[in-house]
Amino acid sequence: MVETRGREVRMSHLADSNATLRIRSGSSVSMHGGEFHVPSDNSNLRINNDSIQRYLKPNDVIYFDDGKVVGIVVEITPSGAKMEIKIGGSIKGNCAVRFTGGKHNNL
């Protein structure tokens, strides 16, 4: 059996490739699509999907690096979304990003 996941969404690299981002619970972070060539930082996470705002809606849950950091979409913007970080932690550049629709009762 072959797994066919399709295109994977990833966060961009960091300015220092050996660094990690420490993102705190309760912080407000913007996620931008279509700016994958720009390094991500603590307040602006960039991903390789330039039309992400079409797929997101308020209250969607976003998991970075297999859930090491979890955010809830607060607002859709022209370039992506603003999120509130519910579970903070450390993540590296080029990590996987996963979205799920509006179920975050346990966060």
PDB file of N, CA and C in Angstrom:
ATOM      1  N   MET A   1       0.849  -1.173   0.000  1.00  0.00           N
ATOM      2  CA  MET A   1       0.000   0.000   0.000  1.00  0.00           C
ATOM      3  C   MET A   1       0.895   1.237   0.000  1.00  0.00           C
ATOM      4  N   VAL A   2       0.514   2.248  -0.771  1.00  0.00           N
ATOM      5  CA  VAL A   2       1.281   3.479  -0.902  1.00  0.00           C
ATOM      6  C   VAL A   2       0.494   4.626  -0.296  1.00  0.00           C
ATOM      7  N   GLU A   3       1.170   5.447   0.470  1.00  0.00           N
ATOM      8  CA  GLU A   3       0.524   6.610   1.062  1.00  0.00           C
ATOM      9  C   GLU A   3       0.568   7.759   0.064  1.00  0.00           C
ATOM     10  N   THR A   4      -0.560   8.408  -0.171  1.00  0.00           N
ATOM     11  CA  THR A   4      -0.627   9.540  -1.099  1.00  0.00           C
ATOM     12  C   THR A   4      -1.185  10.748  -0.372  1.00  0.00           C
ATOM     13  N   ARG A   5      -0.356  11.423   0.388  1.00  0.00           N
ATOM     14  CA  ARG A   5      -0.796  12.546   1.213  1.00  0.00           C
ATOM     15  C   ARG A   5      -0.996  13.822   0.410  1.00  0.00           C
ATOM     16  N   GLY A   6      -0.377  13.921  -0.722  1.00  0.00           N
ATOM     17  CA  GLY A   6      -0.441  15.172  -1.457  1.00  0.00           C
ATOM     18  C   GLY A   6       0.633  16.125  -0.983  1.00  0.00           C
ATOM     19  N   ARG A   7       0.514  17.360  -1.422  1.00  0.00           N
ATOM     20  CA  ARG A   7       1.512  18.374  -1.091  1.00  0.00           C
ATOM     21  C   ARG A   7       1.490  18.687   0.397  1.00  0.00           C
ATOM     22  N   GLU A   8       2.662  18.711   0.981  1.00  0.00           N
ATOM     23  CA  GLU A   8       2.760  18.990   2.418  1.00  0.00           C
ATOM     24  C   GLU A   8       2.976  20.483   2.637  1.00  0.00           C
ATOM     25  N   VAL A   9       2.275  21.036   3.616  1.00  0.00           N
ATOM     26  CA  VAL A   9       2.448  22.440   3.968  1.00  0.00           C
ATOM     27  C   VAL A   9       3.580  22.522   4.981  1.00  0.00           C
ATOM     28  N   ARG A  10       4.506  23.450   4.737  1.00  0.00           N
ATOM     29  CA  ARG A  10       5.664  23.615   5.607  1.00  0.00           C
ATOM     30  C   ARG A  10       5.870  25.086   5.947  1.00  0.00           C
ATOM     31  N   MET A  11       6.446  25.305   7.117  1.00  0.00           N
ATOM     32  CA  MET A  11       6.852  26.639   7.531  1.00  0.00           C
ATOM     33  C   MET A  11       8.199  26.946   6.884  1.00  0.00           C
ATOM     34  N   SER A  12       8.480  28.207   6.641  1.00  0.00           N
ATOM     35  CA  SER A  12       9.752  28.587   6.021  1.00  0.00           C
ATOM     36  C   SER A  12      10.935  28.387   6.979  1.00  0.00           C
ATOM     37  N   HIS A  13      12.110  28.588   6.442  1.00  0.00           N
ATOM     38  CA  HIS A  13      13.346  28.470   7.220  1.00  0.00           C
ATOM     39  C   HIS A  13      13.455  29.618   8.229  1.00  0.00           C
ATOM     40  N   LEU A  14      14.408  29.536   9.125  1.00  0.00           N
ATOM     41  CA  LEU A  14      14.709  30.610  10.068  1.00  0.00           C
ATOM     42  C   LEU A  14      15.968  31.328   9.596  1.00  0.00           C
ATOM     43  N   ALA A  15      16.159  32.563  10.026  1.00  0.00           N
ATOM     44  CA  ALA A  15      17.341  33.324   9.628  1.00  0.00           C
ATOM     45  C   ALA A  15      18.620  32.581  10.019  1.00  0.00           C
ATOM     46  N   ASP A  16      18.635  31.971  11.188  1.00  0.00           N
ATOM     47  CA  ASP A  16      19.745  31.136  11.637  1.00  0.00           C
ATOM     48  C   ASP A  16      19.278  29.685  11.560  1.00  0.00           C
ATOM     49  N   SER A  17      19.807  28.937  10.616  1.00  0.00           N
ATOM     50  CA  SER A  17      19.324  27.578  10.369  1.00  0.00           C
ATOM     51  C   SER A  17      19.530  26.630  11.551  1.00  0.00           C
ATOM     52  N   ASN A  18      20.394  26.976  12.492  1.00  0.00           N
ATOM     53  CA  ASN A  18      20.616  26.138  13.669  1.00  0.00           C
ATOM     54  C   ASN A  18      19.726  26.524  14.849  1.00  0.00           C
ATOM     55  N   ALA A  19      18.945  27.581  14.687  1.00  0.00           N
ATOM     56  CA  ALA A  19      18.132  28.108  15.784  1.00  0.00           C
ATOM     57  C   ALA A  19      16.769  27.422  15.848  1.00  0.00           C
ATOM     58  N   THR A  20      16.083  27.648  16.943  1.00  0.00           N
ATOM     59  CA  THR A  20      14.683  27.254  17.080  1.00  0.00           C
ATOM     60  C   THR A  20      13.898  28.492  17.490  1.00  0.00           C
ATOM     61  N   LEU A  21      12.615  28.490  17.179  1.00  0.00           N
ATOM     62  CA  LEU A  21      11.738  29.567  17.623  1.00  0.00           C
ATOM     63  C   LEU A  21      11.057  29.140  18.911  1.00  0.00           C
ATOM     64  N   ARG A  22      11.067  29.997  19.891  1.00  0.00           N
ATOM     65  CA  ARG A  22      10.336  29.758  21.138  1.00  0.00           C
ATOM     66  C   ARG A  22       9.097  30.639  21.085  1.00  0.00           C
ATOM     67  N   ILE A  23       7.942  30.014  20.964  1.00  0.00           N
ATOM     68  CA  ILE A  23       6.694  30.753  20.856  1.00  0.00           C
ATOM     69  C   ILE A  23       5.885  30.503  22.118  1.00  0.00           C
ATOM     70  N   ARG A  24       5.472  31.564  22.776  1.00  0.00           N
ATOM     71  CA  ARG A  24       4.816  31.467  24.083  1.00  0.00           C
ATOM     72  C   ARG A  24       3.311  31.329  23.968  1.00  0.00           C
ATOM     73  N   SER A  25       2.746  30.550  24.865  1.00  0.00           N
ATOM     74  CA  SER A  25       1.285  30.432  24.969  1.00  0.00           C
ATOM     75  C   SER A  25       0.690  31.808  25.225  1.00  0.00           C
ATOM     76  N   GLY A  26      -0.429  32.092  24.587  1.00  0.00           N
ATOM     77  CA  GLY A  26      -1.102  33.372  24.767  1.00  0.00           C
ATOM     78  C   GLY A  26      -0.633  34.465  23.827  1.00  0.00           C
ATOM     79  N   SER A  27       0.457  34.228  23.099  1.00  0.00           N
ATOM     80  CA  SER A  27       0.955  35.264  22.194  1.00  0.00           C
ATOM     81  C   SER A  27       0.131  35.303  20.913  1.00  0.00           C
ATOM     82  N   SER A  28       0.169  36.455  20.258  1.00  0.00           N
ATOM     83  CA  SER A  28      -0.508  36.646  18.984  1.00  0.00           C
ATOM     84  C   SER A  28       0.535  36.529  17.873  1.00  0.00           C
ATOM     85  N   VAL A  29       0.257  35.680  16.886  1.00  0.00           N
ATOM     86  CA  VAL A  29       1.207  35.401  15.815  1.00  0.00           C
ATOM     87  C   VAL A  29       0.475  35.465  14.484  1.00  0.00           C
ATOM     88  N   SER A  30       1.137  36.011  13.471  1.00  0.00           N
ATOM     89  CA  SER A  30       0.573  36.038  12.123  1.00  0.00           C
ATOM     90  C   SER A  30       1.178  34.918  11.294  1.00  0.00           C
ATOM     91  N   MET A  31       0.352  34.299  10.471  1.00  0.00           N
ATOM     92  CA  MET A  31       0.828  33.283   9.543  1.00  0.00           C
ATOM     93  C   MET A  31       0.593  33.818   8.136  1.00  0.00           C
ATOM     94  N   HIS A  32       1.633  33.810   7.319  1.00  0.00           N
ATOM     95  CA  HIS A  32       1.571  34.369   5.975  1.00  0.00           C
ATOM     96  C   HIS A  32       1.804  33.283   4.941  1.00  0.00           C
ATOM     97  N   GLY A  33       0.969  33.257   3.928  1.00  0.00           N
ATOM     98  CA  GLY A  33       1.173  32.369   2.798  1.00  0.00           C
ATOM     99  C   GLY A  33       1.843  33.131   1.667  1.00  0.00           C
ATOM    100  N   GLY A  34       2.612  32.433   0.850  1.00  0.00           N
ATOM    101  CA  GLY A  34       3.235  33.065  -0.305  1.00  0.00           C
ATOM    102  C   GLY A  34       4.501  33.835  -0.023  1.00  0.00           C
ATOM    103  N   GLU A  35       5.032  33.770   1.176  1.00  0.00           N
ATOM    104  CA  GLU A  35       6.274  34.452   1.528  1.00  0.00           C
ATOM    105  C   GLU A  35       7.300  33.437   2.024  1.00  0.00           C
ATOM    106  N   PHE A  36       7.305  32.265   1.413  1.00  0.00           N
ATOM    107  CA  PHE A  36       8.131  31.160   1.886  1.00  0.00           C
ATOM    108  C   PHE A  36       9.627  31.470   1.826  1.00  0.00           C
ATOM    109  N   HIS A  37      10.030  32.372   0.946  1.00  0.00           N
ATOM    110  CA  HIS A  37      11.447  32.734   0.818  1.00  0.00           C
ATOM    111  C   HIS A  37      11.936  33.627   1.966  1.00  0.00           C
ATOM    112  N   VAL A  38      11.003  34.193   2.728  1.00  0.00           N
ATOM    113  CA  VAL A  38      11.345  35.073   3.848  1.00  0.00           C
ATOM    114  C   VAL A  38      11.428  34.233   5.120  1.00  0.00           C
ATOM    115  N   PRO A  39      12.478  34.406   5.940  1.00  0.00           N
ATOM    116  CA  PRO A  39      12.579  33.619   7.178  1.00  0.00           C
ATOM    117  C   PRO A  39      11.427  33.899   8.141  1.00  0.00           C
ATOM    118  N   SER A  40      10.974  32.863   8.834  1.00  0.00           N
ATOM    119  CA  SER A  40       9.964  33.018   9.883  1.00  0.00           C
ATOM    120  C   SER A  40      10.622  33.552  11.147  1.00  0.00           C
ATOM    121  N   ASP A  41       9.830  34.215  11.984  1.00  0.00           N
ATOM    122  CA  ASP A  41      10.312  34.676  13.287  1.00  0.00           C
ATOM    123  C   ASP A  41       9.188  34.500  14.304  1.00  0.00           C
ATOM    124  N   ASN A  42       9.393  34.933  15.528  1.00  0.00           N
ATOM    125  CA  ASN A  42       8.429  34.682  16.610  1.00  0.00           C
ATOM    126  C   ASN A  42       7.051  35.271  16.374  1.00  0.00           C
ATOM    127  N   SER A  43       6.936  36.314  15.585  1.00  0.00           N
ATOM    128  CA  SER A  43       5.621  36.920  15.393  1.00  0.00           C
ATOM    129  C   SER A  43       5.075  36.749  13.982  1.00  0.00           C
ATOM    130  N   ASN A  44       5.872  36.218  13.052  1.00  0.00           N
ATOM    131  CA  ASN A  44       5.440  36.020  11.673  1.00  0.00           C
ATOM    132  C   ASN A  44       5.926  34.665  11.172  1.00  0.00           C
ATOM    133  N   LEU A  45       4.994  33.723  11.065  1.00  0.00           N
ATOM    134  CA  LEU A  45       5.318  32.395  10.560  1.00  0.00           C
ATOM    135  C   LEU A  45       4.885  32.345   9.100  1.00  0.00           C
ATOM    136  N   ARG A  46       5.805  31.965   8.226  1.00  0.00           N
ATOM    137  CA  ARG A  46       5.524  31.954   6.796  1.00  0.00           C
ATOM    138  C   ARG A  46       5.454  30.522   6.294  1.00  0.00           C
ATOM    139  N   ILE A  47       4.483  30.247   5.419  1.00  0.00           N
ATOM    140  CA  ILE A  47       4.298  28.887   4.932  1.00  0.00           C
ATOM    141  C   ILE A  47       4.327  28.857   3.406  1.00  0.00           C
ATOM    142  N   ASN A  48       4.441  27.641   2.857  1.00  0.00           N
ATOM    143  CA  ASN A  48       4.607  27.478   1.413  1.00  0.00           C
ATOM    144  C   ASN A  48       3.294  27.352   0.650  1.00  0.00           C
ATOM    145  N   ASN A  49       2.198  27.830   1.199  1.00  0.00           N
ATOM    146  CA  ASN A  49       0.913  27.802   0.512  1.00  0.00           C
ATOM    147  C   ASN A  49       0.429  29.240   0.383  1.00  0.00           C
ATOM    148  N   ASP A  50       0.419  29.760  -0.845  1.00  0.00           N
ATOM    149  CA  ASP A  50       0.106  31.178  -1.033  1.00  0.00           C
ATOM    150  C   ASP A  50      -1.384  31.498  -1.027  1.00  0.00           C
ATOM    151  N   SER A  51      -2.242  30.499  -0.889  1.00  0.00           N
ATOM    152  CA  SER A  51      -3.683  30.775  -0.855  1.00  0.00           C
ATOM    153  C   SER A  51      -4.337  30.198   0.400  1.00  0.00           C
ATOM    154  N   ILE A  52      -3.582  30.138   1.475  1.00  0.00           N
ATOM    155  CA  ILE A  52      -4.043  29.501   2.703  1.00  0.00           C
ATOM    156  C   ILE A  52      -5.304  30.153   3.273  1.00  0.00           C
ATOM    157  N   GLN A  53      -5.460  31.455   3.085  1.00  0.00           N
ATOM    158  CA  GLN A  53      -6.620  32.143   3.644  1.00  0.00           C
ATOM    159  C   GLN A  53      -7.937  31.632   3.043  1.00  0.00           C
ATOM    160  N   ARG A  54      -7.887  30.988   1.880  1.00  0.00           N
ATOM    161  CA  ARG A  54      -9.094  30.401   1.286  1.00  0.00           C
ATOM    162  C   ARG A  54      -9.587  29.187   2.071  1.00  0.00           C
ATOM    163  N   TYR A  55      -8.685  28.503   2.762  1.00  0.00           N
ATOM    164  CA  TYR A  55      -9.013  27.255   3.441  1.00  0.00           C
ATOM    165  C   TYR A  55      -9.283  27.418   4.927  1.00  0.00           C
ATOM    166  N   LEU A  56      -8.916  28.560   5.475  1.00  0.00           N
ATOM    167  CA  LEU A  56      -9.039  28.766   6.924  1.00  0.00           C
ATOM    168  C   LEU A  56     -10.267  29.580   7.275  1.00  0.00           C
ATOM    169  N   LYS A  57     -10.717  29.400   8.512  1.00  0.00           N
ATOM    170  CA  LYS A  57     -11.785  30.235   9.065  1.00  0.00           C
ATOM    171  C   LYS A  57     -11.507  30.407  10.562  1.00  0.00           C
ATOM    172  N   PRO A  58     -12.088  31.416  11.186  1.00  0.00           N
ATOM    173  CA  PRO A  58     -11.882  31.589  12.625  1.00  0.00           C
ATOM    174  C   PRO A  58     -12.215  30.315  13.396  1.00  0.00           C
ATOM    175  N   ASN A  59     -11.445  30.050  14.418  1.00  0.00           N
ATOM    176  CA  ASN A  59     -11.522  28.889  15.312  1.00  0.00           C
ATOM    177  C   ASN A  59     -10.873  27.628  14.760  1.00  0.00           C
ATOM    178  N   ASP A  60     -10.325  27.660  13.542  1.00  0.00           N
ATOM    179  CA  ASP A  60      -9.569  26.504  13.052  1.00  0.00           C
ATOM    180  C   ASP A  60      -8.303  26.347  13.886  1.00  0.00           C
ATOM    181  N   VAL A  61      -7.872  25.114  14.047  1.00  0.00           N
ATOM    182  CA  VAL A  61      -6.685  24.793  14.834  1.00  0.00           C
ATOM    183  C   VAL A  61      -5.523  24.544  13.886  1.00  0.00           C
ATOM    184  N   ILE A  62      -4.360  25.110  14.198  1.00  0.00           N
ATOM    185  CA  ILE A  62      -3.165  24.943  13.379  1.00  0.00           C
ATOM    186  C   ILE A  62      -2.073  24.330  14.244  1.00  0.00           C
ATOM    187  N   TYR A  63      -1.529  23.205  13.773  1.00  0.00           N
ATOM    188  CA  TYR A  63      -0.482  22.473  14.488  1.00  0.00           C
ATOM    189  C   TYR A  63       0.844  22.662  13.768  1.00  0.00           C
ATOM    190  N   PHE A  64       1.856  23.100  14.490  1.00  0.00           N
ATOM    191  CA  PHE A  64       3.194  23.257  13.939  1.00  0.00           C
ATOM    192  C   PHE A  64       4.089  22.169  14.515  1.00  0.00           C
ATOM    193  N   ASP A  65       4.859  21.536  13.647  1.00  0.00           N
ATOM    194  CA  ASP A  65       5.848  20.536  14.061  1.00  0.00           C
ATOM    195  C   ASP A  65       5.219  19.444  14.932  1.00  0.00           C
ATOM    196  N   ASP A  66       4.197  18.783  14.378  1.00  0.00           N
ATOM    197  CA  ASP A  66       3.505  17.673  15.059  1.00  0.00           C
ATOM    198  C   ASP A  66       2.906  18.074  16.404  1.00  0.00           C
ATOM    199  N   GLY A  67       2.424  19.304  16.498  1.00  0.00           N
ATOM    200  CA  GLY A  67       1.731  19.754  17.702  1.00  0.00           C
ATOM    201  C   GLY A  67       2.609  20.331  18.782  1.00  0.00           C
ATOM    202  N   LYS A  68       3.889  20.572  18.487  1.00  0.00           N
ATOM    203  CA  LYS A  68       4.751  21.211  19.493  1.00  0.00           C
ATOM    204  C   LYS A  68       4.274  22.630  19.790  1.00  0.00           C
ATOM    205  N   VAL A  69       3.695  23.274  18.781  1.00  0.00           N
ATOM    206  CA  VAL A  69       3.062  24.584  18.941  1.00  0.00           C
ATOM    207  C   VAL A  69       1.689  24.488  18.290  1.00  0.00           C
ATOM    208  N   VAL A  70       0.660  24.987  18.997  1.00  0.00           N
ATOM    209  CA  VAL A  70      -0.714  24.924  18.492  1.00  0.00           C
ATOM    210  C   VAL A  70      -1.333  26.311  18.580  1.00  0.00           C
ATOM    211  N   GLY A  71      -1.916  26.755  17.471  1.00  0.00           N
ATOM    212  CA  GLY A  71      -2.581  28.051  17.425  1.00  0.00           C
ATOM    213  C   GLY A  71      -4.026  27.920  16.994  1.00  0.00           C
ATOM    214  N   ILE A  72      -4.837  28.908  17.383  1.00  0.00           N
ATOM    215  CA  ILE A  72      -6.240  28.988  16.983  1.00  0.00           C
ATOM    216  C   ILE A  72      -6.382  30.229  16.107  1.00  0.00           C
ATOM    217  N   VAL A  73      -7.000  30.067  14.932  1.00  0.00           N
ATOM    218  CA  VAL A  73      -7.207  31.199  14.028  1.00  0.00           C
ATOM    219  C   VAL A  73      -8.190  32.168  14.662  1.00  0.00           C
ATOM    220  N   VAL A  74      -7.780  33.431  14.745  1.00  0.00           N
ATOM    221  CA  VAL A  74      -8.612  34.489  15.302  1.00  0.00           C
ATOM    222  C   VAL A  74      -9.221  35.333  14.185  1.00  0.00           C
ATOM    223  N   GLU A  75      -8.424  35.561  13.130  1.00  0.00           N
ATOM    224  CA  GLU A  75      -8.855  36.447  12.050  1.00  0.00           C
ATOM    225  C   GLU A  75      -8.186  36.027  10.754  1.00  0.00           C
ATOM    226  N   ILE A  76      -8.919  36.101   9.649  1.00  0.00           N
ATOM    227  CA  ILE A  76      -8.363  35.853   8.328  1.00  0.00           C
ATOM    228  C   ILE A  76      -7.879  37.190   7.775  1.00  0.00           C
ATOM    229  N   THR A  77      -6.683  37.229   7.219  1.00  0.00           N
ATOM    230  CA  THR A  77      -6.102  38.444   6.647  1.00  0.00           C
ATOM    231  C   THR A  77      -5.877  38.225   5.146  1.00  0.00           C
ATOM    232  N   PRO A  78      -5.585  39.287   4.394  1.00  0.00           N
ATOM    233  CA  PRO A  78      -5.343  39.122   2.958  1.00  0.00           C
ATOM    234  C   PRO A  78      -4.183  38.170   2.639  1.00  0.00           C
ATOM    235  N   SER A  79      -3.208  38.064   3.523  1.00  0.00           N
ATOM    236  CA  SER A  79      -2.053  37.193   3.243  1.00  0.00           C
ATOM    237  C   SER A  79      -2.059  35.889   4.036  1.00  0.00           C
ATOM    238  N   GLY A  80      -3.036  35.687   4.907  1.00  0.00           N
ATOM    239  CA  GLY A  80      -3.046  34.468   5.720  1.00  0.00           C
ATOM    240  C   GLY A  80      -3.999  34.555   6.879  1.00  0.00           C
ATOM    241  N   ALA A  81      -3.457  34.503   8.112  1.00  0.00           N
ATOM    242  CA  ALA A  81      -4.313  34.512   9.300  1.00  0.00           C
ATOM    243  C   ALA A  81      -3.553  35.008  10.518  1.00  0.00           C
ATOM    244  N   LYS A  82      -4.304  35.558  11.462  1.00  0.00           N
ATOM    245  CA  LYS A  82      -3.767  35.880  12.782  1.00  0.00           C
ATOM    246  C   LYS A  82      -4.230  34.782  13.714  1.00  0.00           C
ATOM    247  N   MET A  83      -3.338  34.337  14.611  1.00  0.00           N
ATOM    248  CA  MET A  83      -3.657  33.255  15.530  1.00  0.00           C
ATOM    249  C   MET A  83      -3.301  33.646  16.951  1.00  0.00           C
ATOM    250  N   GLU A  84      -3.976  32.991  17.877  1.00  0.00           N
ATOM    251  CA  GLU A  84      -3.582  33.036  19.279  1.00  0.00           C
ATOM    252  C   GLU A  84      -2.947  31.683  19.573  1.00  0.00           C
ATOM    253  N   ILE A  85      -1.761  31.714  20.149  1.00  0.00           N
ATOM    254  CA  ILE A  85      -1.058  30.469  20.464  1.00  0.00           C
ATOM    255  C   ILE A  85      -1.638  29.898  21.745  1.00  0.00           C
ATOM    256  N   LYS A  86      -2.155  28.678  21.668  1.00  0.00           N
ATOM    257  CA  LYS A  86      -2.751  28.007  22.821  1.00  0.00           C
ATOM    258  C   LYS A  86      -1.744  27.100  23.520  1.00  0.00           C
ATOM    259  N   ILE A  87      -0.879  26.454  22.746  1.00  0.00           N
ATOM    260  CA  ILE A  87       0.181  25.618  23.309  1.00  0.00           C
ATOM    261  C   ILE A  87       1.499  26.121  22.740  1.00  0.00           C
ATOM    262  N   GLY A  88       2.308  26.706  23.593  1.00  0.00           N
ATOM    263  CA  GLY A  88       3.590  27.242  23.167  1.00  0.00           C
ATOM    264  C   GLY A  88       4.678  26.186  23.218  1.00  0.00           C
ATOM    265  N   GLY A  89       5.789  26.496  22.582  1.00  0.00           N
ATOM    266  CA  GLY A  89       6.908  25.571  22.584  1.00  0.00           C
ATOM    267  C   GLY A  89       7.979  26.022  21.621  1.00  0.00           C
ATOM    268  N   SER A  90       8.923  25.151  21.366  1.00  0.00           N
ATOM    269  CA  SER A  90      10.030  25.437  20.452  1.00  0.00           C
ATOM    270  C   SER A  90       9.860  24.640  19.171  1.00  0.00           C
ATOM    271  N   ILE A  91      10.054  25.317  18.039  1.00  0.00           N
ATOM    272  CA  ILE A  91       9.970  24.653  16.738  1.00  0.00           C
ATOM    273  C   ILE A  91      11.150  25.087  15.873  1.00  0.00           C
ATOM    274  N   LYS A  92      11.503  24.245  14.933  1.00  0.00           N
ATOM    275  CA  LYS A  92      12.578  24.546  13.990  1.00  0.00           C
ATOM    276  C   LYS A  92      11.981  24.997  12.665  1.00  0.00           C
ATOM    277  N   GLY A  93      12.809  25.613  11.840  1.00  0.00           N
ATOM    278  CA  GLY A  93      12.382  26.015  10.511  1.00  0.00           C
ATOM    279  C   GLY A  93      12.071  24.796   9.650  1.00  0.00           C
ATOM    280  N   ASN A  94      11.301  24.993   8.602  1.00  0.00           N
ATOM    281  CA  ASN A  94      10.889  23.947   7.663  1.00  0.00           C
ATOM    282  C   ASN A  94      10.053  22.851   8.312  1.00  0.00           C
ATOM    283  N   CYS A  95       9.412  23.135   9.440  1.00  0.00           N
ATOM    284  CA  CYS A  95       8.586  22.115  10.095  1.00  0.00           C
ATOM    285  C   CYS A  95       7.246  21.974   9.374  1.00  0.00           C
ATOM    286  N   ALA A  96       6.594  20.844   9.578  1.00  0.00           N
ATOM    287  CA  ALA A  96       5.289  20.580   8.984  1.00  0.00           C
ATOM    288  C   ALA A  96       4.215  21.419   9.676  1.00  0.00           C
ATOM    289  N   VAL A  97       3.199  21.802   8.902  1.00  0.00           N
ATOM    290  CA  VAL A  97       2.070  22.582   9.408  1.00  0.00           C
ATOM    291  C   VAL A  97       0.799  21.836   9.011  1.00  0.00           C
ATOM    292  N   ARG A  98      -0.115  21.660   9.966  1.00  0.00           N
ATOM    293  CA  ARG A  98      -1.356  20.919   9.710  1.00  0.00           C
ATOM    294  C   ARG A  98      -2.538  21.732  10.235  1.00  0.00           C
ATOM    295  N   PHE A  99      -3.659  21.684   9.524  1.00  0.00           N
ATOM    296  CA  PHE A  99      -4.855  22.458   9.872  1.00  0.00           C
ATOM    297  C   PHE A  99      -6.012  21.518  10.149  1.00  0.00           C
ATOM    298  N   THR A 100      -6.820  21.861  11.132  1.00  0.00           N
ATOM    299  CA  THR A 100      -8.062  21.130  11.360  1.00  0.00           C
ATOM    300  C   THR A 100      -9.172  22.136  11.620  1.00  0.00           C
ATOM    301  N   GLY A 101     -10.367  21.776  11.239  1.00  0.00           N
ATOM    302  CA  GLY A 101     -11.511  22.669  11.398  1.00  0.00           C
ATOM    303  C   GLY A 101     -11.989  22.758  12.821  1.00  0.00           C
ATOM    304  N   GLY A 102     -12.305  23.927  13.267  1.00  0.00           N
ATOM    305  CA  GLY A 102     -12.859  24.421  14.473  1.00  0.00           C
ATOM    306  C   GLY A 102     -13.094  23.600  15.719  1.00  0.00           C
ATOM    307  N   LYS A 103     -12.449  22.508  15.973  1.00  0.00           N
ATOM    308  CA  LYS A 103     -12.674  21.736  17.203  1.00  0.00           C
ATOM    309  C   LYS A 103     -11.463  21.904  18.111  1.00  0.00           C
ATOM    310  N   HIS A 104     -11.618  22.719  19.130  1.00  0.00           N
ATOM    311  CA  HIS A 104     -10.505  22.922  20.057  1.00  0.00           C
ATOM    312  C   HIS A 104     -10.989  22.997  21.492  1.00  0.00           C
ATOM    313  N   ASN A 105     -11.936  22.183  21.828  1.00  0.00           N
ATOM    314  CA  ASN A 105     -12.507  22.205  23.173  1.00  0.00           C
ATOM    315  C   ASN A 105     -11.490  21.912  24.266  1.00  0.00           C
ATOM    316  N   ASN A 106     -10.466  21.119  23.974  1.00  0.00           N
ATOM    317  CA  ASN A 106      -9.498  20.728  24.998  1.00  0.00           C
ATOM    318  C   ASN A 106      -8.312  21.680  25.105  1.00  0.00           C
ATOM    319  N   LEU A 107      -8.298  22.752  24.333  1.00  0.00           N
ATOM    320  CA  LEU A 107      -7.138  23.646  24.363  1.00  0.00           C
ATOM    321  C   LEU A 107      -7.341  24.770  25.338  1.00  0.00           C
TER     322      LEU A 107
END
